[in-house]
Amino acid sequence: MTKIEVFDPAMCCSTGVCGPDVDQKFVDFAANVDWGTGQGIKIQRYNLGQQPMEFANNSTVKSFLERSGADALPLILVEGEIALAGRYPTRDELARLAGVTPAPAVSAPKQSSGCCGSAKSNTPSNTTSSSCC
């Protein structure tokens, strides 16, 4: 199975999902990591604030930090090679990086604003006419 390593910026905890103001990108990525590990993907995360030696002991990560700085994190390695930097992969990207089939997207029910599914506007110049309502 493909090994994916995630080198996170310094965060308060291992996932960044804590505190009163949680950034949605951390929530989404934590859910994607849970999904990936459930698919058998080996994903290892390292936090710069808690595991700085993992960054220093990896020559690829160390060179990346020297060249781009810590503001360019997160850094995603696949089998030791840089695959993505500066943002977290989506679930589909994570699946592609690991070589597994992504989960089918769950689509939200289509919403309509009118009884016939046509949008109506209250402005006289942009009124949509409909024969049903």
N, C-alpha and C. Protein backbone atom coordinates (compact mmCIF):
# COMPACT_ATOMS: atom_id res chain seq x y z
N MET A 1 0.85 -1.18 0.00
CA MET A 1 0.00 0.00 0.00
C MET A 1 0.89 1.24 0.00
N THR A 2 0.42 2.24 -0.66
CA THR A 2 1.14 3.50 -0.80
C THR A 2 1.26 4.19 0.55
N LYS A 3 2.43 4.75 0.80
CA LYS A 3 2.66 5.48 2.04
C LYS A 3 2.59 6.97 1.76
N ILE A 4 1.71 7.64 2.47
CA ILE A 4 1.55 9.09 2.35
C ILE A 4 1.94 9.73 3.67
N GLU A 5 2.83 10.71 3.58
CA GLU A 5 3.24 11.45 4.77
C GLU A 5 2.79 12.90 4.63
N VAL A 6 2.22 13.43 5.70
CA VAL A 6 1.73 14.80 5.72
C VAL A 6 2.53 15.57 6.76
N PHE A 7 3.22 16.59 6.30
CA PHE A 7 4.00 17.44 7.20
C PHE A 7 3.21 18.73 7.40
N ASP A 8 2.54 18.79 8.54
CA ASP A 8 1.64 19.90 8.86
C ASP A 8 2.42 21.08 9.42
N PRO A 9 1.86 22.28 9.29
CA PRO A 9 2.45 23.42 10.01
C PRO A 9 2.26 23.22 11.51
N ALA A 10 2.89 24.07 12.29
CA ALA A 10 2.73 23.99 13.75
C ALA A 10 1.26 24.21 14.10
N MET A 11 0.70 23.24 14.81
CA MET A 11 -0.71 23.32 15.22
C MET A 11 -0.79 22.95 16.69
N CYS A 12 -1.94 23.24 17.27
CA CYS A 12 -2.13 22.98 18.70
C CYS A 12 -2.23 21.48 19.01
N CYS A 13 -2.64 20.68 18.04
CA CYS A 13 -2.78 19.24 18.26
C CYS A 13 -2.44 18.52 16.95
N SER A 14 -2.57 17.22 16.94
CA SER A 14 -2.13 16.44 15.78
C SER A 14 -2.99 16.66 14.53
N THR A 15 -4.22 17.14 14.69
CA THR A 15 -5.09 17.32 13.53
C THR A 15 -5.48 18.78 13.30
N GLY A 16 -5.30 19.64 14.28
CA GLY A 16 -5.73 21.03 14.17
C GLY A 16 -7.22 21.21 14.40
N VAL A 17 -7.88 20.11 14.79
CA VAL A 17 -9.32 20.16 15.00
C VAL A 17 -9.59 20.27 16.50
N CYS A 18 -9.37 21.45 17.03
CA CYS A 18 -9.67 21.70 18.44
C CYS A 18 -9.79 23.20 18.64
N GLY A 19 -10.22 23.60 19.78
CA GLY A 19 -10.37 25.02 20.08
C GLY A 19 -11.71 25.55 19.61
N PRO A 20 -11.98 26.81 19.95
CA PRO A 20 -13.30 27.38 19.63
C PRO A 20 -13.47 27.76 18.16
N ASP A 21 -12.38 28.08 17.45
CA ASP A 21 -12.47 28.50 16.05
C ASP A 21 -11.68 27.53 15.18
N VAL A 22 -12.31 26.44 14.82
CA VAL A 22 -11.66 25.41 14.02
C VAL A 22 -11.77 25.78 12.55
N ASP A 23 -10.64 25.76 11.87
CA ASP A 23 -10.61 26.02 10.43
C ASP A 23 -11.22 24.82 9.71
N GLN A 24 -12.16 25.08 8.81
CA GLN A 24 -12.87 24.00 8.11
C GLN A 24 -11.93 23.11 7.31
N LYS A 25 -10.82 23.67 6.81
CA LYS A 25 -9.90 22.84 6.03
C LYS A 25 -9.31 21.72 6.88
N PHE A 26 -9.11 21.98 8.17
CA PHE A 26 -8.58 20.94 9.06
C PHE A 26 -9.64 19.87 9.33
N VAL A 27 -10.87 20.29 9.46
CA VAL A 27 -11.97 19.34 9.68
C VAL A 27 -12.12 18.45 8.45
N ASP A 28 -12.13 19.08 7.28
CA ASP A 28 -12.27 18.31 6.03
C ASP A 28 -11.12 17.33 5.86
N PHE A 29 -9.90 17.80 6.09
CA PHE A 29 -8.76 16.91 5.88
C PHE A 29 -8.74 15.78 6.91
N ALA A 30 -9.09 16.07 8.15
CA ALA A 30 -9.16 15.01 9.17
C ALA A 30 -10.17 13.94 8.75
N ALA A 31 -11.30 14.37 8.21
CA ALA A 31 -12.30 13.41 7.74
C ALA A 31 -11.76 12.61 6.56
N ASN A 32 -11.02 13.28 5.67
CA ASN A 32 -10.44 12.57 4.52
C ASN A 32 -9.35 11.58 4.96
N VAL A 33 -8.59 11.94 5.97
CA VAL A 33 -7.58 11.01 6.50
C VAL A 33 -8.28 9.80 7.12
N ASP A 34 -9.34 10.03 7.87
CA ASP A 34 -10.10 8.91 8.45
C ASP A 34 -10.64 8.01 7.34
N TRP A 35 -11.19 8.63 6.28
CA TRP A 35 -11.68 7.85 5.15
C TRP A 35 -10.54 7.05 4.53
N GLY A 36 -9.40 7.71 4.32
CA GLY A 36 -8.26 7.05 3.68
C GLY A 36 -7.73 5.87 4.48
N THR A 37 -7.60 6.05 5.79
CA THR A 37 -7.11 4.94 6.61
C THR A 37 -8.13 3.81 6.61
N GLY A 38 -9.41 4.14 6.51
CA GLY A 38 -10.44 3.12 6.39
C GLY A 38 -10.35 2.35 5.08
N GLN A 39 -9.76 2.99 4.07
CA GLN A 39 -9.55 2.34 2.77
C GLN A 39 -8.23 1.57 2.73
N GLY A 40 -7.50 1.61 3.84
CA GLY A 40 -6.22 0.90 3.90
C GLY A 40 -5.02 1.74 3.49
N ILE A 41 -5.23 3.03 3.27
CA ILE A 41 -4.11 3.92 2.92
C ILE A 41 -3.31 4.19 4.19
N LYS A 42 -2.00 4.05 4.08
CA LYS A 42 -1.13 4.34 5.22
C LYS A 42 -0.80 5.82 5.19
N ILE A 43 -1.35 6.57 6.12
CA ILE A 43 -1.16 8.02 6.19
C ILE A 43 -0.53 8.37 7.53
N GLN A 44 0.60 9.03 7.47
CA GLN A 44 1.30 9.45 8.69
C GLN A 44 1.38 10.97 8.69
N ARG A 45 0.93 11.59 9.77
CA ARG A 45 0.98 13.05 9.88
C ARG A 45 2.02 13.46 10.90
N TYR A 46 2.72 14.54 10.58
CA TYR A 46 3.71 15.10 11.49
C TYR A 46 3.39 16.57 11.69
N ASN A 47 3.46 17.02 12.92
CA ASN A 47 3.15 18.40 13.29
C ASN A 47 4.45 19.11 13.61
N LEU A 48 4.72 20.20 12.89
CA LEU A 48 5.97 20.93 13.09
C LEU A 48 6.14 21.39 14.54
N GLY A 49 5.05 21.75 15.18
CA GLY A 49 5.13 22.22 16.57
C GLY A 49 5.40 21.13 17.58
N GLN A 50 5.03 19.90 17.25
CA GLN A 50 5.17 18.80 18.20
C GLN A 50 6.23 17.77 17.81
N GLN A 51 6.58 17.72 16.52
CA GLN A 51 7.54 16.72 16.04
C GLN A 51 8.58 17.35 15.12
N PRO A 52 9.28 18.36 15.57
CA PRO A 52 10.21 19.07 14.68
C PRO A 52 11.34 18.18 14.17
N MET A 53 11.72 17.16 14.89
CA MET A 53 12.82 16.30 14.44
C MET A 53 12.43 15.47 13.22
N GLU A 54 11.13 15.17 13.06
CA GLU A 54 10.69 14.44 11.86
C GLU A 54 10.93 15.31 10.62
N PHE A 55 10.80 16.61 10.77
CA PHE A 55 11.04 17.54 9.67
C PHE A 55 12.55 17.66 9.41
N ALA A 56 13.31 17.77 10.48
CA ALA A 56 14.76 17.95 10.35
C ALA A 56 15.46 16.69 9.84
N ASN A 57 14.94 15.53 10.17
CA ASN A 57 15.60 14.28 9.78
C ASN A 57 15.22 13.79 8.39
N ASN A 58 14.25 14.43 7.75
CA ASN A 58 13.85 14.03 6.41
C ASN A 58 14.48 15.03 5.43
N SER A 59 15.41 14.59 4.60
CA SER A 59 16.15 15.50 3.72
C SER A 59 15.24 16.22 2.72
N THR A 60 14.21 15.57 2.24
CA THR A 60 13.28 16.20 1.30
C THR A 60 12.52 17.33 1.98
N VAL A 61 12.04 17.07 3.18
CA VAL A 61 11.28 18.07 3.92
C VAL A 61 12.20 19.20 4.37
N LYS A 62 13.38 18.85 4.83
CA LYS A 62 14.34 19.86 5.28
C LYS A 62 14.69 20.81 4.13
N SER A 63 14.95 20.28 2.95
CA SER A 63 15.27 21.11 1.78
C SER A 63 14.08 21.98 1.39
N PHE A 64 12.88 21.40 1.46
CA PHE A 64 11.67 22.17 1.15
C PHE A 64 11.52 23.35 2.10
N LEU A 65 11.72 23.11 3.38
CA LEU A 65 11.58 24.19 4.37
C LEU A 65 12.65 25.26 4.19
N GLU A 66 13.87 24.84 3.85
CA GLU A 66 14.94 25.82 3.63
C GLU A 66 14.64 26.69 2.41
N ARG A 67 14.05 26.10 1.39
CA ARG A 67 13.76 26.81 0.15
C ARG A 67 12.48 27.63 0.25
N SER A 68 11.42 27.07 0.85
CA SER A 68 10.10 27.70 0.80
C SER A 68 9.62 28.26 2.13
N GLY A 69 10.16 27.79 3.23
CA GLY A 69 9.75 28.27 4.54
C GLY A 69 8.54 27.52 5.09
N ALA A 70 8.32 27.69 6.37
CA ALA A 70 7.22 26.98 7.05
C ALA A 70 5.85 27.46 6.61
N ASP A 71 5.77 28.68 6.05
CA ASP A 71 4.48 29.17 5.57
C ASP A 71 3.99 28.39 4.36
N ALA A 72 4.86 27.62 3.71
CA ALA A 72 4.46 26.84 2.54
C ALA A 72 3.88 25.47 2.92
N LEU A 73 3.87 25.15 4.20
CA LEU A 73 3.28 23.88 4.65
C LEU A 73 1.77 23.97 4.55
N PRO A 74 1.08 22.87 4.39
CA PRO A 74 1.51 21.49 4.56
C PRO A 74 2.25 20.97 3.32
N LEU A 75 3.05 19.95 3.55
CA LEU A 75 3.77 19.26 2.50
C LEU A 75 3.33 17.80 2.51
N ILE A 76 2.95 17.32 1.34
CA ILE A 76 2.46 15.95 1.22
C ILE A 76 3.48 15.14 0.43
N LEU A 77 4.01 14.08 1.02
CA LEU A 77 4.94 13.19 0.34
C LEU A 77 4.24 11.87 0.06
N VAL A 78 4.48 11.35 -1.13
CA VAL A 78 4.00 10.02 -1.49
C VAL A 78 5.24 9.18 -1.80
N GLU A 79 5.43 8.15 -1.03
CA GLU A 79 6.61 7.30 -1.17
C GLU A 79 7.88 8.14 -1.12
N GLY A 80 7.88 9.16 -0.27
CA GLY A 80 9.07 9.99 -0.07
C GLY A 80 9.27 11.11 -1.06
N GLU A 81 8.41 11.23 -2.06
CA GLU A 81 8.53 12.30 -3.05
C GLU A 81 7.43 13.34 -2.85
N ILE A 82 7.76 14.59 -3.12
CA ILE A 82 6.79 15.67 -2.97
C ILE A 82 5.66 15.48 -3.97
N ALA A 83 4.44 15.45 -3.45
CA ALA A 83 3.27 15.29 -4.30
C ALA A 83 2.41 16.55 -4.30
N LEU A 84 2.42 17.28 -3.19
CA LEU A 84 1.57 18.46 -3.07
C LEU A 84 2.13 19.34 -1.95
N ALA A 85 2.03 20.64 -2.12
CA ALA A 85 2.50 21.56 -1.10
C ALA A 85 1.58 22.76 -1.02
N GLY A 86 1.46 23.31 0.18
CA GLY A 86 0.71 24.54 0.37
C GLY A 86 -0.77 24.38 0.65
N ARG A 87 -1.27 23.17 0.48
CA ARG A 87 -2.69 22.92 0.78
C ARG A 87 -2.87 21.42 1.00
N TYR A 88 -4.01 21.09 1.58
CA TYR A 88 -4.33 19.69 1.82
C TYR A 88 -5.04 19.11 0.61
N PRO A 89 -4.78 17.84 0.32
CA PRO A 89 -5.48 17.23 -0.82
C PRO A 89 -6.95 16.98 -0.50
N THR A 90 -7.76 17.05 -1.53
CA THR A 90 -9.16 16.67 -1.38
C THR A 90 -9.23 15.15 -1.26
N ARG A 91 -10.40 14.64 -0.98
CA ARG A 91 -10.56 13.18 -0.88
C ARG A 91 -10.22 12.49 -2.20
N ASP A 92 -10.67 13.08 -3.30
CA ASP A 92 -10.37 12.50 -4.61
C ASP A 92 -8.87 12.53 -4.89
N GLU A 93 -8.22 13.63 -4.53
CA GLU A 93 -6.77 13.72 -4.74
C GLU A 93 -6.04 12.71 -3.86
N LEU A 94 -6.50 12.57 -2.62
CA LEU A 94 -5.89 11.61 -1.70
C LEU A 94 -6.02 10.20 -2.26
N ALA A 95 -7.19 9.89 -2.79
CA ALA A 95 -7.41 8.57 -3.39
C ALA A 95 -6.50 8.37 -4.59
N ARG A 96 -6.39 9.39 -5.44
CA ARG A 96 -5.53 9.29 -6.62
C ARG A 96 -4.08 9.11 -6.21
N LEU A 97 -3.63 9.87 -5.20
CA LEU A 97 -2.25 9.75 -4.74
C LEU A 97 -1.96 8.34 -4.21
N ALA A 98 -2.96 7.74 -3.60
CA ALA A 98 -2.79 6.40 -3.02
C ALA A 98 -3.11 5.30 -4.01
N GLY A 99 -3.70 5.66 -5.14
CA GLY A 99 -4.03 4.65 -6.14
C GLY A 99 -5.24 3.81 -5.78
N VAL A 100 -6.19 4.41 -5.06
CA VAL A 100 -7.43 3.71 -4.73
C VAL A 100 -8.59 4.44 -5.40
N THR A 101 -9.70 3.76 -5.48
CA THR A 101 -10.89 4.34 -6.09
C THR A 101 -11.54 5.28 -5.09
N PRO A 102 -11.79 6.52 -5.50
CA PRO A 102 -12.43 7.45 -4.57
C PRO A 102 -13.87 7.05 -4.29
N ALA A 103 -14.35 7.47 -3.14
CA ALA A 103 -15.73 7.21 -2.76
C ALA A 103 -16.65 7.99 -3.68
N PRO A 104 -17.79 7.42 -4.05
CA PRO A 104 -18.72 8.20 -4.87
C PRO A 104 -19.21 9.42 -4.10
N ALA A 105 -19.33 10.48 -4.83
CA ALA A 105 -19.79 11.72 -4.21
C ALA A 105 -21.25 11.59 -3.81
N VAL A 106 -21.53 12.10 -2.64
CA VAL A 106 -22.91 12.14 -2.17
C VAL A 106 -23.44 13.51 -2.53
N SER A 107 -24.45 13.52 -3.38
CA SER A 107 -24.97 14.82 -3.81
C SER A 107 -26.15 15.21 -2.94
N ALA A 108 -26.20 16.48 -2.67
CA ALA A 108 -27.31 17.02 -1.89
C ALA A 108 -28.54 17.07 -2.79
N PRO A 109 -29.71 16.94 -2.20
CA PRO A 109 -30.91 17.03 -3.01
C PRO A 109 -30.97 18.37 -3.72
N LYS A 110 -31.45 18.31 -4.96
CA LYS A 110 -31.56 19.54 -5.74
C LYS A 110 -32.62 20.42 -5.12
N GLN A 111 -32.24 21.68 -4.90
CA GLN A 111 -33.17 22.60 -4.29
C GLN A 111 -33.80 23.47 -5.35
N SER A 112 -35.04 23.76 -5.13
CA SER A 112 -35.72 24.70 -6.01
C SER A 112 -36.34 25.78 -5.17
N SER A 113 -36.53 26.90 -5.76
CA SER A 113 -37.10 28.00 -5.00
C SER A 113 -38.58 28.18 -5.26
N GLY A 114 -39.12 27.48 -6.20
CA GLY A 114 -40.53 27.61 -6.49
C GLY A 114 -41.18 26.24 -6.52
N CYS A 115 -42.49 26.22 -6.60
CA CYS A 115 -43.20 24.95 -6.58
C CYS A 115 -42.91 24.12 -7.82
N CYS A 116 -42.50 24.75 -8.91
CA CYS A 116 -42.20 24.04 -10.15
C CYS A 116 -40.71 23.95 -10.39
N GLY A 117 -39.92 24.41 -9.45
CA GLY A 117 -38.48 24.34 -9.59
C GLY A 117 -37.89 25.53 -10.31
N SER A 118 -38.69 26.52 -10.65
CA SER A 118 -38.15 27.71 -11.31
C SER A 118 -37.92 28.78 -10.27
N ALA A 119 -36.87 29.52 -10.46
CA ALA A 119 -36.56 30.61 -9.55
C ALA A 119 -37.42 31.81 -9.89
N LYS A 120 -37.88 32.48 -8.88
CA LYS A 120 -38.66 33.68 -9.08
C LYS A 120 -37.90 34.85 -8.50
N SER A 121 -38.13 35.95 -9.06
CA SER A 121 -37.51 37.16 -8.57
C SER A 121 -38.60 38.15 -8.21
N ASN A 122 -38.35 38.94 -7.21
CA ASN A 122 -39.34 39.93 -6.79
C ASN A 122 -39.18 41.25 -7.53
N THR A 123 -38.13 41.36 -8.33
CA THR A 123 -37.95 42.61 -9.05
C THR A 123 -38.79 42.56 -10.32
N PRO A 124 -39.52 43.64 -10.62
CA PRO A 124 -40.43 43.65 -11.76
C PRO A 124 -39.72 43.39 -13.09
N SER A 125 -38.50 43.86 -13.26
CA SER A 125 -37.81 43.70 -14.54
C SER A 125 -37.25 42.30 -14.71
N ASN A 126 -37.22 41.52 -13.65
CA ASN A 126 -36.61 40.20 -13.72
C ASN A 126 -37.59 39.12 -13.24
N THR A 127 -38.84 39.31 -13.45
CA THR A 127 -39.85 38.38 -12.99
C THR A 127 -39.95 37.20 -13.95
N THR A 128 -39.95 36.01 -13.37
CA THR A 128 -40.09 34.80 -14.15
C THR A 128 -41.55 34.41 -14.17
N SER A 129 -42.08 34.21 -15.32
CA SER A 129 -43.48 33.81 -15.39
C SER A 129 -43.57 32.30 -15.43
N SER A 130 -44.59 31.78 -14.80
CA SER A 130 -44.80 30.35 -14.76
C SER A 130 -46.28 30.09 -14.80
N SER A 131 -46.67 29.02 -15.42
CA SER A 131 -48.09 28.74 -15.54
C SER A 131 -48.64 27.97 -14.35
N CYS A 132 -47.78 27.47 -13.45
CA CYS A 132 -48.30 26.64 -12.37
C CYS A 132 -48.57 27.42 -11.09
N CYS A 133 -47.99 28.56 -10.83
CA CYS A 133 -48.24 29.26 -9.58
C CYS A 133 -48.52 30.71 -9.80
